[in-house]
Amino acid sequence: MTTPRVPSAAPHRDWRATAAACTTVLLWASAFVSIRSAGEAYSPGALALGRLLAGSLALGVLLVVRREGLPPRASWPGIIWSGLLWFGLYMVVLNWGEQQVDAGTAAMVVNIGPLLIALLGARMLGEGLPGRLLAGMAVSFAGAAVVGLSMSGDGGASVLGVALCLLAAVAYATGVVRQKPALRHGSALQITTFGCLVGTVACLPFSGALISDAADAPLSATLNMVYLGLFPTALAFTTWAYALARTTAGRMGATTYAVPALVVLMSWLVLDEVPAPLTVGGGLLCLAGVAVSRMRPQTGLTRKDPAPPVEGHRHDAEHREADRR
């Protein structure tokens, strides 16, 4: 008599959501390298509008090809809020803030965003604040601060610049938390496409600046702007939404702490900027914190094979197994 197969009680991780989150982090890290080039030729509003236009065009074509259509009515409040705050306000004020302060100071201030996401998610979405998440975020934030300090220049900060970066962090965090409920009603592609369109409409007042800057900008800067729209915006925001729909806002926010470490590595490889030992140490702290925050608590289940069901309950067990399949 053979022992019947019993399904494992432990849930399987969705590898696609993990892959989507990793894709987002990699592309957002690459964005900092491209912004450094495009930002020299385009003003903050013009760069944001050009990036959003390229992203909206790519997303719109994909939406038509996939025939997904308009998102449900219930998702529109989240789409509008995330479009205005995250796609619109965040991109403009971050571009502006990084012109007022050095990159290290901007990184330190903006990286309070994931902490705000966790707090707002607990308050507005009813998400918990597990000890592992808080501990991991604390380690990662310390690492981001170390990276920022190691990259800060002398006299590069201003009150306006710090205020703009702080506003960017608040807009980013609020936009993410507002986007999460919308993903219960629409697909990741729908929510991202129409959020990007809302941000594009909000940035239309910068059309004149975009036309003027594009006339004088070198081709490399324009290509970097298009890259920002196609990959760190269209693709990365869609993979972000896909992963966000399958986990909590707090855990997704903590994942973005891998970005500073990847930026350091990409700057080394692409721009030949050799990082200081302190910068490398901060990057490793960021990655360690992300690892801690992504750890799942043990379920406490034993590994012993369960006893076979008694004959009287075997028929019901087979039906339940079929339903699960």
Foldseek 3Di string as FASTA:
>chain_A
DDFDDDDDPDDDDDVLLVVLLVLLLLLVLVLVVLCVQLLVLAAQLLLLLLLLVLQLVVLVVVCVVVVQDAFDPVLVQLLLLLLCLPSALLSRLLSVLCVQAPPLLLQLQLLCLLVLLVVCCCVPVVDDDDPLLVQLSVLLSQLSNLLSVQRGDPPRHDPSSSVSSNSSSVSNSVSLSSNQVSCVGGALSNSLNSSSVSNSVVSVVCVVSNVVSVVPRDPSSSVSSSSSNHRSRNSSSSSLSNSCNVDPSSLSSLSSSLSQLSSQVCCCVPVVDPGDPSNNVSNVSSVSSNVSNPDDDDPPDDPDDDGHDDPVCVVVVVVVVVVVD
